[in-house]
Amino acid sequence: MPSHLIRDTNYDAATRTLSVWLVTSENRYDYEDVPPDTYAAFRRAFSKGRFFNAHIRNRFTYRVSKEE
């Protein structure tokens, strides 16, 4: 998943939580209640950063966790 913005992601289908690690941050961002079809579209997107900015960032409630 090469991206200039996103270092890594993880999706928990049971809780519908999308975890995102950005290249520019030491934090993990956990986006809540992300539908499976949105995550599937994100995975298919040619530009992960562009899709993230347009369809996930500022559209879902999130919490920030320090990476351990």
N, C-alpha and C. Protein backbone atom coordinates (compact mmCIF):
# COMPACT_ATOMS: atom_id res chain seq x y z
N MET A 1 0.83 -1.18 0.00
CA MET A 1 0.00 0.00 0.00
C MET A 1 0.87 1.24 0.00
N PRO A 2 1.57 1.53 -1.05
CA PRO A 2 2.40 2.73 -1.08
C PRO A 2 1.55 3.99 -1.09
N SER A 3 1.87 4.90 -0.19
CA SER A 3 1.16 6.18 -0.11
C SER A 3 2.11 7.20 0.49
N HIS A 4 1.99 8.44 0.06
CA HIS A 4 2.81 9.51 0.63
C HIS A 4 2.22 10.01 1.94
N LEU A 5 0.95 9.69 2.21
CA LEU A 5 0.26 10.17 3.41
C LEU A 5 0.08 9.07 4.46
N ILE A 6 -0.24 7.86 4.01
CA ILE A 6 -0.64 6.80 4.92
C ILE A 6 0.45 5.74 5.02
N ARG A 7 0.88 5.48 6.25
CA ARG A 7 1.91 4.47 6.49
C ARG A 7 1.31 3.07 6.56
N ASP A 8 0.15 2.95 7.24
CA ASP A 8 -0.47 1.64 7.41
C ASP A 8 -1.92 1.82 7.79
N THR A 9 -2.72 0.76 7.61
CA THR A 9 -4.12 0.76 8.02
C THR A 9 -4.49 -0.62 8.56
N ASN A 10 -5.55 -0.64 9.33
CA ASN A 10 -6.13 -1.89 9.79
C ASN A 10 -7.63 -1.66 9.94
N TYR A 11 -8.42 -2.66 9.56
CA TYR A 11 -9.87 -2.53 9.67
C TYR A 11 -10.41 -3.69 10.49
N ASP A 12 -11.18 -3.36 11.52
CA ASP A 12 -11.85 -4.36 12.35
C ASP A 12 -13.32 -4.37 11.96
N ALA A 13 -13.72 -5.38 11.20
CA ALA A 13 -15.09 -5.46 10.68
C ALA A 13 -16.11 -5.61 11.81
N ALA A 14 -15.73 -6.27 12.89
CA ALA A 14 -16.66 -6.48 14.00
C ALA A 14 -17.07 -5.17 14.66
N THR A 15 -16.11 -4.25 14.79
CA THR A 15 -16.40 -2.96 15.43
C THR A 15 -16.53 -1.82 14.41
N ARG A 16 -16.26 -2.14 13.15
CA ARG A 16 -16.29 -1.14 12.06
C ARG A 16 -15.33 0.02 12.35
N THR A 17 -14.16 -0.35 12.89
CA THR A 17 -13.14 0.65 13.21
C THR A 17 -12.00 0.57 12.21
N LEU A 18 -11.72 1.71 11.60
CA LEU A 18 -10.59 1.82 10.68
C LEU A 18 -9.46 2.53 11.40
N SER A 19 -8.34 1.85 11.59
CA SER A 19 -7.16 2.44 12.21
C SER A 19 -6.21 2.88 11.11
N VAL A 20 -5.72 4.11 11.24
CA VAL A 20 -4.85 4.69 10.22
C VAL A 20 -3.61 5.26 10.90
N TRP A 21 -2.45 4.91 10.36
CA TRP A 21 -1.18 5.47 10.80
C TRP A 21 -0.69 6.36 9.67
N LEU A 22 -0.50 7.64 9.95
CA LEU A 22 -0.04 8.59 8.94
C LEU A 22 1.48 8.66 8.93
N VAL A 23 2.03 8.96 7.79
CA VAL A 23 3.48 9.09 7.64
C VAL A 23 4.01 10.22 8.52
N THR A 24 3.22 11.28 8.68
CA THR A 24 3.67 12.49 9.36
C THR A 24 3.41 12.49 10.86
N SER A 25 2.94 11.38 11.43
CA SER A 25 2.55 11.39 12.83
C SER A 25 2.98 10.11 13.54
N GLU A 26 3.18 10.22 14.84
CA GLU A 26 3.47 9.07 15.68
C GLU A 26 2.18 8.44 16.21
N ASN A 27 1.05 9.03 15.88
CA ASN A 27 -0.23 8.61 16.43
C ASN A 27 -0.96 7.63 15.53
N ARG A 28 -1.89 6.90 16.15
CA ARG A 28 -2.83 6.05 15.42
C ARG A 28 -4.19 6.73 15.51
N TYR A 29 -4.87 6.82 14.39
CA TYR A 29 -6.20 7.44 14.33
C TYR A 29 -7.21 6.33 14.10
N ASP A 30 -8.13 6.17 15.05
CA ASP A 30 -9.16 5.14 14.96
C ASP A 30 -10.48 5.79 14.57
N TYR A 31 -10.91 5.54 13.34
CA TYR A 31 -12.15 6.10 12.81
C TYR A 31 -13.28 5.11 13.10
N GLU A 32 -14.35 5.60 13.72
CA GLU A 32 -15.44 4.77 14.20
C GLU A 32 -16.56 4.64 13.18
N ASP A 33 -17.19 3.48 13.19
CA ASP A 33 -18.39 3.19 12.41
C ASP A 33 -18.19 3.39 10.90
N VAL A 34 -17.04 2.97 10.40
CA VAL A 34 -16.75 3.05 8.96
C VAL A 34 -17.38 1.82 8.29
N PRO A 35 -18.30 2.05 7.35
CA PRO A 35 -18.96 0.91 6.70
C PRO A 35 -17.97 0.04 5.92
N PRO A 36 -18.24 -1.26 5.86
CA PRO A 36 -17.35 -2.16 5.11
C PRO A 36 -17.18 -1.76 3.65
N ASP A 37 -18.24 -1.23 3.03
CA ASP A 37 -18.11 -0.84 1.63
C ASP A 37 -17.21 0.38 1.46
N THR A 38 -17.17 1.27 2.44
CA THR A 38 -16.25 2.42 2.39
C THR A 38 -14.82 1.92 2.51
N TYR A 39 -14.59 0.97 3.43
CA TYR A 39 -13.25 0.42 3.57
C TYR A 39 -12.82 -0.32 2.30
N ALA A 40 -13.74 -1.07 1.70
CA ALA A 40 -13.43 -1.79 0.46
C ALA A 40 -13.05 -0.81 -0.65
N ALA A 41 -13.79 0.28 -0.76
CA ALA A 41 -13.49 1.30 -1.78
C ALA A 41 -12.14 1.95 -1.49
N PHE A 42 -11.85 2.17 -0.23
CA PHE A 42 -10.55 2.73 0.17
C PHE A 42 -9.41 1.81 -0.26
N ARG A 43 -9.58 0.52 -0.02
CA ARG A 43 -8.56 -0.46 -0.42
C ARG A 43 -8.35 -0.49 -1.93
N ARG A 44 -9.42 -0.29 -2.70
CA ARG A 44 -9.33 -0.33 -4.17
C ARG A 44 -8.82 0.97 -4.77
N ALA A 45 -8.88 2.05 -4.02
CA ALA A 45 -8.55 3.38 -4.56
C ALA A 45 -7.10 3.42 -5.03
N PHE A 46 -6.90 4.04 -6.18
CA PHE A 46 -5.56 4.20 -6.72
C PHE A 46 -4.72 5.08 -5.79
N SER A 47 -5.32 6.20 -5.35
CA SER A 47 -4.64 7.10 -4.42
C SER A 47 -5.30 6.97 -3.06
N LYS A 48 -4.63 6.26 -2.15
CA LYS A 48 -5.17 6.06 -0.81
C LYS A 48 -5.32 7.39 -0.07
N GLY A 49 -4.32 8.25 -0.19
CA GLY A 49 -4.37 9.55 0.48
C GLY A 49 -5.51 10.41 -0.02
N ARG A 50 -5.72 10.45 -1.31
CA ARG A 50 -6.80 11.26 -1.87
C ARG A 50 -8.16 10.71 -1.42
N PHE A 51 -8.33 9.39 -1.45
CA PHE A 51 -9.59 8.79 -1.00
C PHE A 51 -9.80 9.08 0.48
N PHE A 52 -8.76 8.89 1.29
CA PHE A 52 -8.84 9.14 2.72
C PHE A 52 -9.29 10.58 3.00
N ASN A 53 -8.67 11.54 2.34
CA ASN A 53 -9.03 12.94 2.56
C ASN A 53 -10.46 13.26 2.11
N ALA A 54 -10.92 12.65 1.04
CA ALA A 54 -12.24 12.96 0.49
C ALA A 54 -13.38 12.21 1.16
N HIS A 55 -13.11 10.99 1.65
CA HIS A 55 -14.21 10.14 2.08
C HIS A 55 -14.14 9.66 3.53
N ILE A 56 -13.02 9.88 4.21
CA ILE A 56 -12.90 9.36 5.58
C ILE A 56 -12.55 10.48 6.56
N ARG A 57 -11.47 11.18 6.32
CA ARG A 57 -11.05 12.27 7.22
C ARG A 57 -12.18 13.31 7.30
N ASN A 58 -12.46 13.75 8.50
CA ASN A 58 -13.51 14.75 8.77
C ASN A 58 -14.92 14.29 8.45
N ARG A 59 -15.12 12.99 8.19
CA ARG A 59 -16.46 12.46 7.94
C ARG A 59 -16.89 11.45 9.00
N PHE A 60 -15.92 10.92 9.72
CA PHE A 60 -16.20 9.93 10.76
C PHE A 60 -15.59 10.40 12.07
N THR A 61 -16.26 10.08 13.15
CA THR A 61 -15.72 10.36 14.48
C THR A 61 -14.45 9.53 14.66
N TYR A 62 -13.44 10.13 15.27
CA TYR A 62 -12.20 9.40 15.49
C TYR A 62 -11.62 9.72 16.85
N ARG A 63 -10.73 8.86 17.29
CA ARG A 63 -9.95 9.10 18.50
C ARG A 63 -8.48 8.89 18.14
N VAL A 64 -7.63 9.60 18.85
CA VAL A 64 -6.19 9.54 18.60
C VAL A 64 -5.53 8.75 19.73
N SER A 65 -4.68 7.82 19.35
CA SER A 65 -3.92 7.04 20.33
C SER A 65 -2.44 7.17 20.01
N LYS A 66 -1.64 7.33 21.05
CA LYS A 66 -0.19 7.33 20.86
C LYS A 66 0.26 5.94 20.50
N GLU A 67 1.12 5.84 19.50
CA GLU A 67 1.66 4.54 19.11
C GLU A 67 2.66 4.08 20.15
N GLU A 68 2.53 2.81 20.50
CA GLU A 68 3.43 2.27 21.54
C GLU A 68 4.46 1.36 20.94
